[in-house]
Amino acid sequence: MELATILERTADVVHKAYINFRESTWDTANSKVGIRGDEIMVYDDFIPHRSPLFIPFPNHLVKHEGVKEAVLTFDTCNEPLVYMEELFQQLLHGKSQLRSVR
């Protein structure tokens, strides 16, 4: 039970960190977010050579937190996970410390 609690807390921390990271490093200009049945459709605006690299997440296009999280995790590459490597290391290190206390 203790290991399950540790894993659940770790997953919660990683999830929140990932969502926050993606929102603060948003780089896609979106024009519309639509819902049709159980599908979420994200429409991009093509803006060549835009600056700055990161832009504010279009919160006005999403009404529900679950939809926002779906948009933030849609069509991403591995870069956000690479930037979060230190967080993963700290969480895993903390987990191993907790196991050695038993």
N, C-alpha and C. Protein backbone atom coordinates (compact mmCIF):
# COMPACT_ATOMS: atom_id res chain seq x y z
N MET A 1 0.82 -1.20 0.00
CA MET A 1 0.00 0.00 0.00
C MET A 1 0.87 1.26 0.00
N GLU A 2 1.98 1.23 0.74
CA GLU A 2 2.86 2.39 0.80
C GLU A 2 3.45 2.70 -0.58
N LEU A 3 3.88 1.68 -1.31
CA LEU A 3 4.44 1.88 -2.64
C LEU A 3 3.37 2.44 -3.59
N ALA A 4 2.16 1.96 -3.48
CA ALA A 4 1.07 2.48 -4.32
C ALA A 4 0.84 3.96 -4.04
N THR A 5 0.90 4.35 -2.78
CA THR A 5 0.72 5.76 -2.42
C THR A 5 1.85 6.61 -2.98
N ILE A 6 3.08 6.10 -2.88
CA ILE A 6 4.24 6.82 -3.43
C ILE A 6 4.09 6.99 -4.93
N LEU A 7 3.70 5.93 -5.63
CA LEU A 7 3.55 6.00 -7.08
C LEU A 7 2.42 6.95 -7.48
N GLU A 8 1.33 6.92 -6.72
CA GLU A 8 0.20 7.82 -7.01
C GLU A 8 0.61 9.28 -6.83
N ARG A 9 1.30 9.57 -5.76
CA ARG A 9 1.76 10.95 -5.53
C ARG A 9 2.77 11.38 -6.59
N THR A 10 3.67 10.48 -6.95
CA THR A 10 4.65 10.78 -7.99
C THR A 10 3.96 11.07 -9.31
N ALA A 11 3.00 10.24 -9.68
CA ALA A 11 2.26 10.46 -10.93
C ALA A 11 1.52 11.79 -10.89
N ASP A 12 0.95 12.15 -9.75
CA ASP A 12 0.23 13.42 -9.63
C ASP A 12 1.18 14.60 -9.80
N VAL A 13 2.34 14.54 -9.16
CA VAL A 13 3.33 15.61 -9.28
C VAL A 13 3.81 15.76 -10.72
N VAL A 14 4.13 14.63 -11.35
CA VAL A 14 4.62 14.66 -12.73
C VAL A 14 3.54 15.20 -13.66
N HIS A 15 2.31 14.77 -13.47
CA HIS A 15 1.20 15.25 -14.31
C HIS A 15 1.06 16.77 -14.20
N LYS A 16 1.02 17.29 -12.98
CA LYS A 16 0.88 18.74 -12.78
C LYS A 16 2.07 19.50 -13.35
N ALA A 17 3.26 18.97 -13.13
CA ALA A 17 4.46 19.64 -13.65
C ALA A 17 4.45 19.65 -15.18
N TYR A 18 4.05 18.54 -15.78
CA TYR A 18 4.01 18.45 -17.24
C TYR A 18 3.00 19.45 -17.82
N ILE A 19 1.81 19.51 -17.23
CA ILE A 19 0.77 20.43 -17.71
C ILE A 19 1.25 21.87 -17.57
N ASN A 20 1.83 22.21 -16.43
CA ASN A 20 2.34 23.58 -16.23
C ASN A 20 3.46 23.90 -17.20
N PHE A 21 4.36 22.93 -17.41
CA PHE A 21 5.46 23.15 -18.34
C PHE A 21 4.95 23.37 -19.76
N ARG A 22 4.03 22.54 -20.20
CA ARG A 22 3.50 22.68 -21.56
C ARG A 22 2.78 24.01 -21.74
N GLU A 23 2.04 24.43 -20.72
CA GLU A 23 1.32 25.70 -20.84
C GLU A 23 2.29 26.87 -20.91
N SER A 24 3.35 26.83 -20.13
CA SER A 24 4.30 27.95 -20.13
C SER A 24 5.24 27.94 -21.33
N THR A 25 5.32 26.82 -22.04
CA THR A 25 6.16 26.76 -23.24
C THR A 25 5.31 26.49 -24.49
N TRP A 26 4.11 27.00 -24.49
CA TRP A 26 3.20 26.79 -25.62
C TRP A 26 3.75 27.50 -26.85
N ASP A 27 3.72 26.83 -27.99
CA ASP A 27 4.33 27.41 -29.19
C ASP A 27 3.46 27.28 -30.44
N THR A 28 2.20 26.96 -30.25
CA THR A 28 1.32 26.76 -31.40
C THR A 28 0.18 27.77 -31.36
N ALA A 29 0.01 28.50 -32.44
CA ALA A 29 -1.10 29.44 -32.53
C ALA A 29 -2.35 28.66 -32.93
N ASN A 30 -3.32 28.62 -32.05
CA ASN A 30 -4.57 27.90 -32.33
C ASN A 30 -5.69 28.89 -32.58
N SER A 31 -6.55 28.54 -33.52
CA SER A 31 -7.67 29.41 -33.86
C SER A 31 -8.98 28.92 -33.28
N LYS A 32 -9.05 27.60 -33.01
CA LYS A 32 -10.32 27.04 -32.55
C LYS A 32 -10.08 25.68 -31.91
N VAL A 33 -10.87 25.38 -30.88
CA VAL A 33 -10.89 24.05 -30.28
C VAL A 33 -12.35 23.63 -30.29
N GLY A 34 -12.64 22.51 -30.95
CA GLY A 34 -14.01 22.04 -31.05
C GLY A 34 -14.16 20.64 -30.48
N ILE A 35 -15.37 20.33 -30.05
CA ILE A 35 -15.67 18.99 -29.53
C ILE A 35 -16.81 18.42 -30.36
N ARG A 36 -16.57 17.23 -30.90
CA ARG A 36 -17.60 16.54 -31.67
C ARG A 36 -17.67 15.11 -31.15
N GLY A 37 -18.72 14.82 -30.41
CA GLY A 37 -18.84 13.51 -29.79
C GLY A 37 -17.75 13.34 -28.75
N ASP A 38 -16.92 12.30 -28.92
CA ASP A 38 -15.82 12.07 -27.99
C ASP A 38 -14.48 12.51 -28.56
N GLU A 39 -14.52 13.35 -29.60
CA GLU A 39 -13.29 13.83 -30.23
C GLU A 39 -13.10 15.32 -29.95
N ILE A 40 -11.84 15.69 -29.72
CA ILE A 40 -11.46 17.10 -29.56
C ILE A 40 -10.68 17.48 -30.80
N MET A 41 -11.12 18.53 -31.46
CA MET A 41 -10.46 18.99 -32.68
C MET A 41 -9.76 20.31 -32.39
N VAL A 42 -8.47 20.37 -32.73
CA VAL A 42 -7.67 21.56 -32.51
C VAL A 42 -7.28 22.12 -33.87
N TYR A 43 -7.63 23.36 -34.11
CA TYR A 43 -7.33 24.01 -35.39
C TYR A 43 -6.17 24.98 -35.18
N ASP A 44 -5.12 24.81 -35.97
CA ASP A 44 -3.94 25.66 -35.86
C ASP A 44 -3.98 26.78 -36.89
N ASP A 45 -3.43 27.92 -36.49
CA ASP A 45 -3.18 29.02 -37.43
C ASP A 45 -1.72 28.91 -37.85
N PHE A 46 -1.46 28.98 -39.13
CA PHE A 46 -0.08 28.94 -39.59
C PHE A 46 0.47 30.35 -39.56
N ILE A 47 1.46 30.55 -38.70
CA ILE A 47 2.10 31.87 -38.60
C ILE A 47 3.60 31.65 -38.81
N PRO A 48 4.09 31.93 -40.01
CA PRO A 48 5.51 31.72 -40.27
C PRO A 48 6.39 32.76 -39.58
N HIS A 49 7.55 32.31 -39.10
CA HIS A 49 8.58 33.19 -38.53
C HIS A 49 8.06 34.06 -37.40
N ARG A 50 7.24 33.51 -36.56
CA ARG A 50 6.72 34.32 -35.47
C ARG A 50 7.75 34.45 -34.35
N SER A 51 7.59 35.48 -33.58
CA SER A 51 8.45 35.72 -32.44
C SER A 51 7.57 36.29 -31.34
N PRO A 52 7.72 35.94 -30.12
CA PRO A 52 8.73 35.08 -29.52
C PRO A 52 8.44 33.61 -29.73
N LEU A 53 9.37 32.78 -29.28
CA LEU A 53 9.22 31.34 -29.48
C LEU A 53 7.99 30.80 -28.76
N PHE A 54 7.78 31.22 -27.52
CA PHE A 54 6.63 30.75 -26.74
C PHE A 54 5.56 31.82 -26.71
N ILE A 55 4.31 31.37 -26.78
CA ILE A 55 3.18 32.29 -26.76
C ILE A 55 2.20 31.86 -25.67
N PRO A 56 1.35 32.75 -25.22
CA PRO A 56 0.38 32.36 -24.19
C PRO A 56 -0.56 31.28 -24.71
N PHE A 57 -0.89 30.34 -23.83
CA PHE A 57 -1.84 29.30 -24.19
C PHE A 57 -3.20 29.95 -24.41
N PRO A 58 -3.95 29.54 -25.45
CA PRO A 58 -5.24 30.18 -25.75
C PRO A 58 -6.37 29.69 -24.82
N ASN A 59 -6.32 30.12 -23.57
CA ASN A 59 -7.33 29.70 -22.59
C ASN A 59 -8.75 30.04 -23.02
N HIS A 60 -8.91 31.08 -23.80
CA HIS A 60 -10.25 31.49 -24.23
C HIS A 60 -10.90 30.46 -25.17
N LEU A 61 -10.11 29.54 -25.70
CA LEU A 61 -10.66 28.54 -26.63
C LEU A 61 -11.17 27.28 -25.93
N VAL A 62 -10.85 27.12 -24.65
CA VAL A 62 -11.27 25.91 -23.93
C VAL A 62 -12.11 26.29 -22.73
N LYS A 63 -13.18 25.52 -22.51
CA LYS A 63 -14.09 25.81 -21.41
C LYS A 63 -13.92 24.87 -20.23
N HIS A 64 -13.36 23.69 -20.46
CA HIS A 64 -13.24 22.69 -19.41
C HIS A 64 -11.78 22.31 -19.21
N GLU A 65 -11.41 22.09 -17.95
CA GLU A 65 -10.03 21.75 -17.61
C GLU A 65 -9.57 20.46 -18.31
N GLY A 66 -10.44 19.49 -18.43
CA GLY A 66 -10.07 18.24 -19.10
C GLY A 66 -9.74 18.45 -20.58
N VAL A 67 -10.49 19.34 -21.23
CA VAL A 67 -10.22 19.66 -22.63
C VAL A 67 -8.89 20.39 -22.75
N LYS A 68 -8.65 21.31 -21.81
CA LYS A 68 -7.38 22.05 -21.82
C LYS A 68 -6.20 21.08 -21.69
N GLU A 69 -6.30 20.13 -20.77
CA GLU A 69 -5.22 19.16 -20.59
C GLU A 69 -5.03 18.30 -21.83
N ALA A 70 -6.13 17.96 -22.48
CA ALA A 70 -6.03 17.16 -23.72
C ALA A 70 -5.30 17.96 -24.80
N VAL A 71 -5.63 19.23 -24.94
CA VAL A 71 -4.97 20.07 -25.94
C VAL A 71 -3.48 20.22 -25.60
N LEU A 72 -3.18 20.41 -24.32
CA LEU A 72 -1.78 20.58 -23.91
C LEU A 72 -0.93 19.33 -24.14
N THR A 73 -1.54 18.17 -24.15
CA THR A 73 -0.78 16.94 -24.33
C THR A 73 -0.88 16.38 -25.75
N PHE A 74 -1.67 17.01 -26.60
CA PHE A 74 -1.85 16.55 -27.97
C PHE A 74 -0.66 16.92 -28.84
N ASP A 75 -0.23 16.01 -29.66
CA ASP A 75 0.77 16.26 -30.69
C ASP A 75 2.04 16.90 -30.14
N THR A 76 2.59 16.30 -29.09
CA THR A 76 3.83 16.82 -28.52
C THR A 76 4.98 15.88 -28.84
N CYS A 77 6.16 16.43 -28.76
CA CYS A 77 7.35 15.61 -28.98
C CYS A 77 7.93 15.25 -27.61
N ASN A 78 9.12 14.72 -27.59
CA ASN A 78 9.74 14.29 -26.34
C ASN A 78 10.44 15.41 -25.59
N GLU A 79 10.53 16.61 -26.16
CA GLU A 79 11.26 17.69 -25.52
C GLU A 79 10.76 18.02 -24.12
N PRO A 80 9.43 18.12 -23.89
CA PRO A 80 9.00 18.42 -22.51
C PRO A 80 9.49 17.38 -21.50
N LEU A 81 9.53 16.14 -21.88
CA LEU A 81 10.00 15.10 -20.96
C LEU A 81 11.49 15.24 -20.68
N VAL A 82 12.25 15.66 -21.69
CA VAL A 82 13.68 15.86 -21.50
C VAL A 82 13.92 17.00 -20.52
N TYR A 83 13.17 18.08 -20.65
CA TYR A 83 13.32 19.21 -19.74
C TYR A 83 12.90 18.85 -18.31
N MET A 84 12.09 17.83 -18.16
CA MET A 84 11.63 17.41 -16.84
C MET A 84 12.50 16.30 -16.24
N GLU A 85 13.62 15.99 -16.87
CA GLU A 85 14.47 14.89 -16.41
C GLU A 85 14.88 15.06 -14.96
N GLU A 86 15.25 16.27 -14.56
CA GLU A 86 15.68 16.49 -13.18
C GLU A 86 14.56 16.18 -12.19
N LEU A 87 13.32 16.55 -12.54
CA LEU A 87 12.19 16.24 -11.68
C LEU A 87 12.05 14.73 -11.52
N PHE A 88 12.15 13.99 -12.62
CA PHE A 88 12.06 12.54 -12.56
C PHE A 88 13.16 11.96 -11.66
N GLN A 89 14.37 12.48 -11.81
CA GLN A 89 15.48 11.99 -10.99
C GLN A 89 15.22 12.25 -9.51
N GLN A 90 14.73 13.44 -9.19
CA GLN A 90 14.47 13.76 -7.79
C GLN A 90 13.35 12.89 -7.22
N LEU A 91 12.31 12.67 -8.00
CA LEU A 91 11.21 11.83 -7.52
C LEU A 91 11.67 10.39 -7.32
N LEU A 92 12.46 9.88 -8.25
CA LEU A 92 12.94 8.50 -8.11
C LEU A 92 13.92 8.39 -6.95
N HIS A 93 14.74 9.40 -6.76
CA HIS A 93 15.69 9.40 -5.65
C HIS A 93 14.92 9.43 -4.32
N GLY A 94 13.90 10.26 -4.24
CA GLY A 94 13.08 10.33 -3.04
C GLY A 94 12.40 9.01 -2.76
N LYS A 95 11.93 8.34 -3.82
CA LYS A 95 11.28 7.03 -3.66
C LYS A 95 12.25 6.02 -3.10
N SER A 96 13.49 6.00 -3.62
CA SER A 96 14.46 5.03 -3.14
C SER A 96 14.84 5.33 -1.69
N GLN A 97 14.86 6.59 -1.29
CA GLN A 97 15.14 6.93 0.10
C GLN A 97 14.03 6.42 1.00
N LEU A 98 12.77 6.56 0.57
CA LEU A 98 11.67 6.09 1.37
C LEU A 98 11.71 4.57 1.53
N ARG A 99 12.09 3.87 0.51
CA ARG A 99 12.16 2.41 0.59
C ARG A 99 13.26 1.96 1.54
N SER A 100 14.37 2.70 1.61
CA SER A 100 15.47 2.28 2.46
C SER A 100 15.19 2.55 3.94
N VAL A 101 14.20 3.38 4.26
CA VAL A 101 13.87 3.70 5.65
C VAL A 101 13.20 2.52 6.32
N ARG A 102 12.49 1.69 5.57
CA ARG A 102 11.76 0.56 6.15
C ARG A 102 12.63 -0.28 6.97
